[in-house]
Amino acid sequence: MRGGTYETITLEREVLEATDQRFSNRLKFIEQAARLYLRELRRAERDARDRALHEKYAEELNRQALETLEYSAYYNEEDPHEAR
Protein backbone atom coordinates (compact mmCIF):
# COMPACT_ATOMS: atom_id res chain seq x y z
CA MET A 1 0.00 0.00 0.00
CA ARG A 2 1.18 3.51 -0.76
CA GLY A 3 1.86 5.88 2.06
CA GLY A 4 -0.96 8.21 2.89
CA THR A 5 -3.14 9.57 5.59
CA TYR A 6 -5.29 7.30 7.65
CA GLU A 7 -8.83 7.97 8.69
CA THR A 8 -11.16 6.06 10.94
CA ILE A 9 -14.54 5.36 9.42
CA THR A 10 -17.63 3.66 10.71
CA LEU A 11 -19.47 1.17 8.53
CA GLU A 12 -22.49 -0.96 9.21
CA ARG A 13 -21.68 -4.40 10.57
CA GLU A 14 -23.31 -6.18 7.62
CA VAL A 15 -21.14 -4.22 5.16
CA LEU A 16 -17.99 -5.21 7.03
CA GLU A 17 -19.07 -8.85 7.32
CA ALA A 18 -19.87 -9.07 3.61
CA THR A 19 -16.52 -7.45 2.80
CA ASP A 20 -14.60 -9.77 5.10
CA GLN A 21 -16.29 -12.85 3.59
CA ARG A 22 -15.06 -11.96 0.13
CA PHE A 23 -11.77 -10.14 0.64
CA SER A 24 -8.79 -10.76 2.87
CA ASN A 25 -7.68 -7.11 2.92
CA ARG A 26 -10.53 -4.84 4.01
CA LEU A 27 -8.60 -1.59 3.52
CA LYS A 28 -7.47 -2.52 0.02
CA PHE A 29 -11.04 -3.42 -0.93
CA ILE A 30 -12.45 -0.14 0.42
CA GLU A 31 -9.77 1.87 -1.41
CA GLN A 32 -10.45 0.05 -4.68
CA ALA A 33 -14.21 0.48 -4.28
CA ALA A 34 -13.80 4.20 -3.61
CA ARG A 35 -11.52 4.60 -6.65
CA LEU A 36 -13.99 2.77 -8.89
CA TYR A 37 -16.87 4.86 -7.60
CA LEU A 38 -14.95 8.10 -8.16
CA ARG A 39 -14.06 6.95 -11.68
CA GLU A 40 -17.75 6.30 -12.38
CA LEU A 41 -18.66 9.76 -11.04
CA ARG A 42 -16.09 11.38 -13.34
CA ARG A 43 -17.42 9.37 -16.28
CA ALA A 44 -21.01 10.40 -15.50
CA GLU A 45 -19.96 14.06 -15.23
CA ARG A 46 -18.10 13.85 -18.57
CA ASP A 47 -21.09 12.17 -20.21
CA ALA A 48 -23.41 14.88 -18.88
CA ARG A 49 -21.12 17.59 -20.33
CA ASP A 50 -21.03 15.75 -23.66
CA ARG A 51 -24.83 15.45 -23.72
CA ALA A 52 -25.20 19.15 -22.92
CA LEU A 53 -22.86 20.07 -25.79
CA HIS A 54 -24.68 17.74 -28.15
CA GLU A 55 -28.05 19.24 -27.21
CA LYS A 56 -26.67 22.76 -27.56
CA TYR A 57 -25.30 22.20 -31.07
CA ALA A 58 -27.51 19.37 -32.39
CA GLU A 59 -29.82 21.61 -34.39
CA GLU A 60 -26.95 23.35 -36.17
CA LEU A 61 -25.10 20.10 -36.84
CA ASN A 62 -28.25 18.49 -38.22
CA ARG A 63 -28.84 21.50 -40.48
CA GLN A 64 -25.30 21.27 -41.82
CA ALA A 65 -25.64 17.53 -42.41
CA LEU A 66 -28.87 18.03 -44.34
CA GLU A 67 -27.27 20.74 -46.47
CA THR A 68 -24.41 18.39 -47.27
CA LEU A 69 -26.79 15.60 -48.24
CA GLU A 70 -28.87 17.96 -50.39
CA TYR A 71 -25.76 19.25 -52.13
CA SER A 72 -24.51 15.71 -52.66
CA ALA A 73 -27.87 14.62 -54.12
CA TYR A 74 -27.91 17.67 -56.42
CA TYR A 75 -24.34 17.01 -57.52
CA ASN A 76 -25.15 13.36 -58.28
CA GLU A 77 -28.18 14.33 -60.38
CA GLU A 78 -26.06 16.53 -62.66
CA ASP A 79 -23.47 13.87 -63.48
CA PRO A 80 -23.87 10.56 -61.61
CA HIS A 81 -20.40 9.38 -62.67
CA GLU A 82 -18.47 12.36 -61.33
CA ALA A 83 -19.41 11.77 -57.71
CA ARG A 84 -17.94 8.26 -57.70
PDB file of N, CA and C in Angstrom:
ATOM      1  N   MET A   1       0.841  -1.188   0.000  1.00  0.00           N
ATOM      2  CA  MET A   1       0.000   0.000   0.000  1.00  0.00           C
ATOM      3  C   MET A   1       0.880   1.244   0.000  1.00  0.00           C
ATOM      4  N   ARG A   2       0.446   2.250  -0.715  1.00  0.00           N
ATOM      5  CA  ARG A   2       1.183   3.505  -0.758  1.00  0.00           C
ATOM      6  C   ARG A   2       1.011   4.237   0.570  1.00  0.00           C
ATOM      7  N   GLY A   3       1.984   5.076   0.861  1.00  0.00           N
ATOM      8  CA  GLY A   3       1.862   5.884   2.063  1.00  0.00           C
ATOM      9  C   GLY A   3       0.750   6.895   1.903  1.00  0.00           C
ATOM     10  N   GLY A   4       0.122   7.251   2.975  1.00  0.00           N
ATOM     11  CA  GLY A   4      -0.963   8.213   2.895  1.00  0.00           C
ATOM     12  C   GLY A   4      -1.475   8.527   4.280  1.00  0.00           C
ATOM     13  N   THR A   5      -2.525   9.268   4.302  1.00  0.00           N
ATOM     14  CA  THR A   5      -3.137   9.572   5.590  1.00  0.00           C
ATOM     15  C   THR A   5      -4.138   8.482   5.930  1.00  0.00           C
ATOM     16  N   TYR A   6      -4.350   8.314   7.189  1.00  0.00           N
ATOM     17  CA  TYR A   6      -5.289   7.303   7.648  1.00  0.00           C
ATOM     18  C   TYR A   6      -6.452   7.977   8.339  1.00  0.00           C
ATOM     19  N   GLU A   7      -7.617   7.462   8.073  1.00  0.00           N
ATOM     20  CA  GLU A   7      -8.833   7.967   8.689  1.00  0.00           C
ATOM     21  C   GLU A   7      -9.570   6.792   9.309  1.00  0.00           C
ATOM     22  N   THR A   8     -10.295   7.068  10.348  1.00  0.00           N
ATOM     23  CA  THR A   8     -11.165   6.062  10.942  1.00  0.00           C
ATOM     24  C   THR A   8     -12.562   6.306  10.415  1.00  0.00           C
ATOM     25  N   ILE A   9     -13.172   5.239   9.919  1.00  0.00           N
ATOM     26  CA  ILE A   9     -14.536   5.362   9.423  1.00  0.00           C
ATOM     27  C   ILE A   9     -15.406   4.318  10.114  1.00  0.00           C
ATOM     28  N   THR A  10     -16.675   4.590  10.127  1.00  0.00           N
ATOM     29  CA  THR A  10     -17.631   3.657  10.712  1.00  0.00           C
ATOM     30  C   THR A  10     -18.523   3.136   9.601  1.00  0.00           C
ATOM     31  N   LEU A  11     -18.607   1.816   9.511  1.00  0.00           N
ATOM     32  CA  LEU A  11     -19.466   1.168   8.526  1.00  0.00           C
ATOM     33  C   LEU A  11     -20.421   0.229   9.246  1.00  0.00           C
ATOM     34  N   GLU A  12     -21.542  -0.017   8.631  1.00  0.00           N
ATOM     35  CA  GLU A  12     -22.491  -0.957   9.210  1.00  0.00           C
ATOM     36  C   GLU A  12     -21.860  -2.336   9.294  1.00  0.00           C
ATOM     37  N   ARG A  13     -22.235  -3.077  10.336  1.00  0.00           N
ATOM     38  CA  ARG A  13     -21.681  -4.403  10.572  1.00  0.00           C
ATOM     39  C   ARG A  13     -21.868  -5.310   9.357  1.00  0.00           C
ATOM     40  N   GLU A  14     -23.063  -5.279   8.749  1.00  0.00           N
ATOM     41  CA  GLU A  14     -23.312  -6.182   7.619  1.00  0.00           C
ATOM     42  C   GLU A  14     -22.413  -5.861   6.421  1.00  0.00           C
ATOM     43  N   VAL A  15     -22.062  -4.587   6.242  1.00  0.00           N
ATOM     44  CA  VAL A  15     -21.145  -4.216   5.158  1.00  0.00           C
ATOM     45  C   VAL A  15     -19.764  -4.798   5.448  1.00  0.00           C
ATOM     46  N   LEU A  16     -19.305  -4.675   6.668  1.00  0.00           N
ATOM     47  CA  LEU A  16     -17.994  -5.213   7.034  1.00  0.00           C
ATOM     48  C   LEU A  16     -17.970  -6.737   6.934  1.00  0.00           C
ATOM     49  N   GLU A  17     -19.024  -7.388   7.390  1.00  0.00           N
ATOM     50  CA  GLU A  17     -19.071  -8.851   7.322  1.00  0.00           C
ATOM     51  C   GLU A  17     -19.063  -9.337   5.880  1.00  0.00           C
ATOM     52  N   ALA A  18     -19.839  -8.679   5.019  1.00  0.00           N
ATOM     53  CA  ALA A  18     -19.868  -9.070   3.614  1.00  0.00           C
ATOM     54  C   ALA A  18     -18.509  -8.837   2.962  1.00  0.00           C
ATOM     55  N   THR A  19     -17.863  -7.746   3.325  1.00  0.00           N
ATOM     56  CA  THR A  19     -16.524  -7.453   2.797  1.00  0.00           C
ATOM     57  C   THR A  19     -15.528  -8.502   3.263  1.00  0.00           C
ATOM     58  N   ASP A  20     -15.554  -8.808   4.538  1.00  0.00           N
ATOM     59  CA  ASP A  20     -14.602  -9.775   5.099  1.00  0.00           C
ATOM     60  C   ASP A  20     -14.800 -11.177   4.536  1.00  0.00           C
ATOM     61  N   GLN A  21     -16.027 -11.525   4.168  1.00  0.00           N
ATOM     62  CA  GLN A  21     -16.291 -12.852   3.593  1.00  0.00           C
ATOM     63  C   GLN A  21     -15.658 -12.995   2.211  1.00  0.00           C
ATOM     64  N   ARG A  22     -15.519 -11.895   1.517  1.00  0.00           N
ATOM     65  CA  ARG A  22     -15.062 -11.956   0.133  1.00  0.00           C
ATOM     66  C   ARG A  22     -13.605 -11.525  -0.064  1.00  0.00           C
ATOM     67  N   PHE A  23     -13.092 -10.715   0.837  1.00  0.00           N
ATOM     68  CA  PHE A  23     -11.766 -10.143   0.638  1.00  0.00           C
ATOM     69  C   PHE A  23     -10.930 -10.275   1.901  1.00  0.00           C
ATOM     70  N   SER A  24      -9.660 -10.589   1.710  1.00  0.00           N
ATOM     71  CA  SER A  24      -8.787 -10.759   2.872  1.00  0.00           C
ATOM     72  C   SER A  24      -8.247  -9.431   3.391  1.00  0.00           C
ATOM     73  N   ASN A  25      -8.226  -8.401   2.526  1.00  0.00           N
ATOM     74  CA  ASN A  25      -7.680  -7.106   2.924  1.00  0.00           C
ATOM     75  C   ASN A  25      -8.786  -6.058   2.828  1.00  0.00           C
ATOM     76  N   ARG A  26      -9.399  -5.771   3.951  1.00  0.00           N
ATOM     77  CA  ARG A  26     -10.533  -4.840   4.006  1.00  0.00           C
ATOM     78  C   ARG A  26     -10.144  -3.459   3.496  1.00  0.00           C
ATOM     79  N   LEU A  27      -9.015  -2.940   3.917  1.00  0.00           N
ATOM     80  CA  LEU A  27      -8.595  -1.590   3.523  1.00  0.00           C
ATOM     81  C   LEU A  27      -8.378  -1.512   2.021  1.00  0.00           C
ATOM     82  N   LYS A  28      -7.712  -2.516   1.451  1.00  0.00           N
ATOM     83  CA  LYS A  28      -7.468  -2.518   0.016  1.00  0.00           C
ATOM     84  C   LYS A  28      -8.788  -2.544  -0.749  1.00  0.00           C
ATOM     85  N   PHE A  29      -9.730  -3.355  -0.288  1.00  0.00           N
ATOM     86  CA  PHE A  29     -11.041  -3.420  -0.935  1.00  0.00           C
ATOM     87  C   PHE A  29     -11.749  -2.068  -0.889  1.00  0.00           C
ATOM     88  N   ILE A  30     -11.762  -1.430   0.275  1.00  0.00           N
ATOM     89  CA  ILE A  30     -12.455  -0.145   0.416  1.00  0.00           C
ATOM     90  C   ILE A  30     -11.798   0.912  -0.462  1.00  0.00           C
ATOM     91  N   GLU A  31     -10.470   0.921  -0.533  1.00  0.00           N
ATOM     92  CA  GLU A  31      -9.775   1.868  -1.410  1.00  0.00           C
ATOM     93  C   GLU A  31     -10.134   1.624  -2.873  1.00  0.00           C
ATOM     94  N   GLN A  32     -10.114   0.364  -3.294  1.00  0.00           N
ATOM     95  CA  GLN A  32     -10.451   0.051  -4.682  1.00  0.00           C
ATOM     96  C   GLN A  32     -11.897   0.425  -4.993  1.00  0.00           C
ATOM     97  N   ALA A  33     -12.799   0.143  -4.067  1.00  0.00           N
ATOM     98  CA  ALA A  33     -14.210   0.478  -4.278  1.00  0.00           C
ATOM     99  C   ALA A  33     -14.384   1.994  -4.399  1.00  0.00           C
ATOM    100  N   ALA A  34     -13.699   2.742  -3.554  1.00  0.00           N
ATOM    101  CA  ALA A  34     -13.795   4.202  -3.608  1.00  0.00           C
ATOM    102  C   ALA A  34     -13.237   4.727  -4.931  1.00  0.00           C
ATOM    103  N   ARG A  35     -12.109   4.173  -5.374  1.00  0.00           N
ATOM    104  CA  ARG A  35     -11.517   4.602  -6.649  1.00  0.00           C
ATOM    105  C   ARG A  35     -12.462   4.307  -7.819  1.00  0.00           C
ATOM    106  N   LEU A  36     -13.047   3.121  -7.826  1.00  0.00           N
ATOM    107  CA  LEU A  36     -13.990   2.768  -8.889  1.00  0.00           C
ATOM    108  C   LEU A  36     -15.199   3.697  -8.881  1.00  0.00           C
ATOM    109  N   TYR A  37     -15.711   3.976  -7.705  1.00  0.00           N
ATOM    110  CA  TYR A  37     -16.873   4.857  -7.599  1.00  0.00           C
ATOM    111  C   TYR A  37     -16.527   6.261  -8.095  1.00  0.00           C
ATOM    112  N   LEU A  38     -15.372   6.773  -7.701  1.00  0.00           N
ATOM    113  CA  LEU A  38     -14.950   8.098  -8.157  1.00  0.00           C
ATOM    114  C   LEU A  38     -14.762   8.127  -9.665  1.00  0.00           C
ATOM    115  N   ARG A  39     -14.216   7.040 -10.237  1.00  0.00           N
ATOM    116  CA  ARG A  39     -14.058   6.950 -11.681  1.00  0.00           C
ATOM    117  C   ARG A  39     -15.427   6.991 -12.361  1.00  0.00           C
ATOM    118  N   GLU A  40     -16.404   6.288 -11.816  1.00  0.00           N
ATOM    119  CA  GLU A  40     -17.752   6.301 -12.384  1.00  0.00           C
ATOM    120  C   GLU A  40     -18.385   7.692 -12.279  1.00  0.00           C
ATOM    121  N   LEU A  41     -18.152   8.383 -11.183  1.00  0.00           N
ATOM    122  CA  LEU A  41     -18.662   9.756 -11.040  1.00  0.00           C
ATOM    123  C   LEU A  41     -18.065  10.668 -12.103  1.00  0.00           C
ATOM    124  N   ARG A  42     -16.745  10.556 -12.310  1.00  0.00           N
ATOM    125  CA  ARG A  42     -16.092  11.380 -13.337  1.00  0.00           C
ATOM    126  C   ARG A  42     -16.655  11.059 -14.722  1.00  0.00           C
ATOM    127  N   ARG A  43     -16.865   9.774 -14.995  1.00  0.00           N
ATOM    128  CA  ARG A  43     -17.424   9.374 -16.283  1.00  0.00           C
ATOM    129  C   ARG A  43     -18.832   9.943 -16.459  1.00  0.00           C
ATOM    130  N   ALA A  44     -19.638   9.866 -15.415  1.00  0.00           N
ATOM    131  CA  ALA A  44     -21.005  10.397 -15.495  1.00  0.00           C
ATOM    132  C   ALA A  44     -20.985  11.911 -15.704  1.00  0.00           C
ATOM    133  N   GLU A  45     -20.074  12.612 -15.039  1.00  0.00           N
ATOM    134  CA  GLU A  45     -19.956  14.060 -15.227  1.00  0.00           C
ATOM    135  C   GLU A  45     -19.530  14.387 -16.654  1.00  0.00           C
ATOM    136  N   ARG A  46     -18.556  13.642 -17.185  1.00  0.00           N
ATOM    137  CA  ARG A  46     -18.105  13.851 -18.566  1.00  0.00           C
ATOM    138  C   ARG A  46     -19.233  13.584 -19.551  1.00  0.00           C
ATOM    139  N   ASP A  47     -19.970  12.499 -19.321  1.00  0.00           N
ATOM    140  CA  ASP A  47     -21.085  12.169 -20.209  1.00  0.00           C
ATOM    141  C   ASP A  47     -22.158  13.253 -20.172  1.00  0.00           C
ATOM    142  N   ALA A  48     -22.415  13.806 -18.995  1.00  0.00           N
ATOM    143  CA  ALA A  48     -23.406  14.877 -18.878  1.00  0.00           C
ATOM    144  C   ALA A  48     -22.946  16.118 -19.646  1.00  0.00           C
ATOM    145  N   ARG A  49     -21.652  16.448 -19.557  1.00  0.00           N
ATOM    146  CA  ARG A  49     -21.121  17.590 -20.325  1.00  0.00           C
ATOM    147  C   ARG A  49     -21.248  17.330 -21.817  1.00  0.00           C
ATOM    148  N   ASP A  50     -20.920  16.098 -22.231  1.00  0.00           N
ATOM    149  CA  ASP A  50     -21.027  15.752 -23.655  1.00  0.00           C
ATOM    150  C   ASP A  50     -22.472  15.856 -24.142  1.00  0.00           C
ATOM    151  N   ARG A  51     -23.416  15.363 -23.339  1.00  0.00           N
ATOM    152  CA  ARG A  51     -24.833  15.454 -23.720  1.00  0.00           C
ATOM    153  C   ARG A  51     -25.275  16.903 -23.830  1.00  0.00           C
ATOM    154  N   ALA A  52     -24.830  17.732 -22.895  1.00  0.00           N
ATOM    155  CA  ALA A  52     -25.203  19.147 -22.924  1.00  0.00           C
ATOM    156  C   ALA A  52     -24.664  19.818 -24.190  1.00  0.00           C
ATOM    157  N   LEU A  53     -23.429  19.503 -24.559  1.00  0.00           N
ATOM    158  CA  LEU A  53     -22.865  20.066 -25.790  1.00  0.00           C
ATOM    159  C   LEU A  53     -23.621  19.575 -27.009  1.00  0.00           C
ATOM    160  N   HIS A  54     -23.940  18.307 -27.015  1.00  0.00           N
ATOM    161  CA  HIS A  54     -24.680  17.742 -28.153  1.00  0.00           C
ATOM    162  C   HIS A  54     -26.035  18.428 -28.284  1.00  0.00           C
ATOM    163  N   GLU A  55     -26.737  18.581 -27.173  1.00  0.00           N
ATOM    164  CA  GLU A  55     -28.048  19.235 -27.212  1.00  0.00           C
ATOM    165  C   GLU A  55     -27.930  20.689 -27.663  1.00  0.00           C
ATOM    166  N   LYS A  56     -26.860  21.348 -27.221  1.00  0.00           N
ATOM    167  CA  LYS A  56     -26.667  22.757 -27.564  1.00  0.00           C
ATOM    168  C   LYS A  56     -26.443  22.939 -29.062  1.00  0.00           C
ATOM    169  N   TYR A  57     -25.676  22.034 -29.678  1.00  0.00           N
ATOM    170  CA  TYR A  57     -25.300  22.203 -31.071  1.00  0.00           C
ATOM    171  C   TYR A  57     -26.003  21.246 -32.033  1.00  0.00           C
ATOM    172  N   ALA A  58     -26.879  20.397 -31.547  1.00  0.00           N
ATOM    173  CA  ALA A  58     -27.509  19.368 -32.389  1.00  0.00           C
ATOM    174  C   ALA A  58     -28.265  19.977 -33.561  1.00  0.00           C
ATOM    175  N   GLU A  59     -29.025  21.010 -33.313  1.00  0.00           N
ATOM    176  CA  GLU A  59     -29.824  21.609 -34.387  1.00  0.00           C
ATOM    177  C   GLU A  59     -28.928  22.117 -35.516  1.00  0.00           C
ATOM    178  N   GLU A  60     -27.866  22.820 -35.160  1.00  0.00           N
ATOM    179  CA  GLU A  60     -26.949  23.351 -36.172  1.00  0.00           C
ATOM    180  C   GLU A  60     -26.235  22.227 -36.914  1.00  0.00           C
ATOM    181  N   LEU A  61     -25.786  21.217 -36.194  1.00  0.00           N
ATOM    182  CA  LEU A  61     -25.102  20.099 -36.842  1.00  0.00           C
ATOM    183  C   LEU A  61     -26.039  19.344 -37.777  1.00  0.00           C
ATOM    184  N   ASN A  62     -27.274  19.153 -37.360  1.00  0.00           N
ATOM    185  CA  ASN A  62     -28.250  18.486 -38.220  1.00  0.00           C
ATOM    186  C   ASN A  62     -28.525  19.309 -39.478  1.00  0.00           C
ATOM    187  N   ARG A  63     -28.620  20.626 -39.332  1.00  0.00           N
ATOM    188  CA  ARG A  63     -28.838  21.500 -40.484  1.00  0.00           C
ATOM    189  C   ARG A  63     -27.683  21.376 -41.462  1.00  0.00           C
ATOM    190  N   GLN A  64     -26.466  21.397 -40.953  1.00  0.00           N
ATOM    191  CA  GLN A  64     -25.297  21.271 -41.818  1.00  0.00           C
ATOM    192  C   GLN A  64     -25.265  19.911 -42.520  1.00  0.00           C
ATOM    193  N   ALA A  65     -25.620  18.861 -41.808  1.00  0.00           N
ATOM    194  CA  ALA A  65     -25.639  17.525 -42.411  1.00  0.00           C
ATOM    195  C   ALA A  65     -26.676  17.452 -43.526  1.00  0.00           C
ATOM    196  N   LEU A  66     -27.842  18.034 -43.304  1.00  0.00           N
ATOM    197  CA  LEU A  66     -28.872  18.032 -44.343  1.00  0.00           C
ATOM    198  C   LEU A  66     -28.427  18.828 -45.569  1.00  0.00           C
ATOM    199  N   GLU A  67     -27.788  19.954 -45.343  1.00  0.00           N
ATOM    200  CA  GLU A  67     -27.274  20.740 -46.466  1.00  0.00           C
ATOM    201  C   GLU A  67     -26.262  19.933 -47.272  1.00  0.00           C
ATOM    202  N   THR A  68     -25.406  19.216 -46.593  1.00  0.00           N
ATOM    203  CA  THR A  68     -24.409  18.391 -47.273  1.00  0.00           C
ATOM    204  C   THR A  68     -25.077  17.301 -48.091  1.00  0.00           C
ATOM    205  N   LEU A  69     -26.073  16.647 -47.509  1.00  0.00           N
ATOM    206  CA  LEU A  69     -26.793  15.603 -48.239  1.00  0.00           C
ATOM    207  C   LEU A  69     -27.532  16.171 -49.445  1.00  0.00           C
ATOM    208  N   GLU A  70     -28.161  17.336 -49.273  1.00  0.00           N
ATOM    209  CA  GLU A  70     -28.872  17.962 -50.386  1.00  0.00           C
ATOM    210  C   GLU A  70     -27.897  18.325 -51.508  1.00  0.00           C
ATOM    211  N   TYR A  71     -26.765  18.878 -51.136  1.00  0.00           N
ATOM    212  CA  TYR A  71     -25.760  19.245 -52.128  1.00  0.00           C
ATOM    213  C   TYR A  71     -25.263  17.996 -52.859  1.00  0.00           C
ATOM    214  N   SER A  72     -25.000  16.946 -52.086  1.00  0.00           N
ATOM    215  CA  SER A  72     -24.515  15.706 -52.665  1.00  0.00           C
ATOM    216  C   SER A  72     -25.543  15.124 -53.628  1.00  0.00           C
ATOM    217  N   ALA A  73     -26.807  15.136 -53.247  1.00  0.00           N
ATOM    218  CA  ALA A  73     -27.868  14.616 -54.118  1.00  0.00           C
ATOM    219  C   ALA A  73     -27.955  15.456 -55.385  1.00  0.00           C
ATOM    220  N   TYR A  74     -27.871  16.773 -55.258  1.00  0.00           N
ATOM    221  CA  TYR A  74     -27.914  17.671 -56.419  1.00  0.00           C
ATOM    222  C   TYR A  74     -26.725  17.387 -57.329  1.00  0.00           C
ATOM    223  N   TYR A  75     -25.559  17.260 -56.756  1.00  0.00           N
ATOM    224  CA  TYR A  75     -24.344  17.005 -57.525  1.00  0.00           C
ATOM    225  C   TYR A  75     -24.459  15.687 -58.281  1.00  0.00           C
ATOM    226  N   ASN A  76     -24.990  14.672 -57.638  1.00  0.00           N
ATOM    227  CA  ASN A  76     -25.148  13.359 -58.276  1.00  0.00           C
ATOM    228  C   ASN A  76     -26.164  13.391 -59.410  1.00  0.00           C
ATOM    229  N   GLU A  77     -27.176  14.227 -59.322  1.00  0.00           N
ATOM    230  CA  GLU A  77     -28.182  14.327 -60.376  1.00  0.00           C
ATOM    231  C   GLU A  77     -27.594  14.937 -61.646  1.00  0.00           C
ATOM    232  N   GLU A  78     -26.651  15.867 -61.493  1.00  0.00           N
ATOM    233  CA  GLU A  78     -26.059  16.525 -62.655  1.00  0.00           C
ATOM    234  C   GLU A  78     -25.194  15.552 -63.466  1.00  0.00           C
ATOM    235  N   ASP A  79     -24.329  14.839 -62.796  1.00  0.00           N
ATOM    236  CA  ASP A  79     -23.474  13.874 -63.481  1.00  0.00           C
ATOM    237  C   ASP A  79     -23.203  12.722 -62.508  1.00  0.00           C
ATOM    238  N   PRO A  80     -23.987  11.665 -62.570  1.00  0.00           N
ATOM    239  CA  PRO A  80     -23.866  10.562 -61.608  1.00  0.00           C
ATOM    240  C   PRO A  80     -22.486   9.925 -61.579  1.00  0.00           C
ATOM    241  N   HIS A  81     -21.717  10.021 -62.651  1.00  0.00           N
ATOM    242  CA  HIS A  81     -20.405   9.375 -62.672  1.00  0.00           C
ATOM    243  C   HIS A  81     -19.327  10.204 -62.005  1.00  0.00           C
ATOM    244  N   GLU A  82     -19.492  11.504 -61.932  1.00  0.00           N
ATOM    245  CA  GLU A  82     -18.470  12.361 -61.333  1.00  0.00           C
ATOM    246  C   GLU A  82     -18.356  12.175 -59.830  1.00  0.00           C
ATOM    247  N   ALA A  83     -19.431  11.875 -59.160  1.00  0.00           N
ATOM    248  CA  ALA A  83     -19.413  11.770 -57.706  1.00  0.00           C
ATOM    249  C   ALA A  83     -18.745  10.478 -57.237  1.00  0.00           C
ATOM    250  N   ARG A  84     -18.492   9.565 -58.119  1.00  0.00           N
ATOM    251  CA  ARG A  84     -17.940   8.261 -57.701  1.00  0.00           C
ATOM    252  C   ARG A  84     -16.454   8.256 -57.699  1.00  0.00           C
TER     253      ARG A  84
END
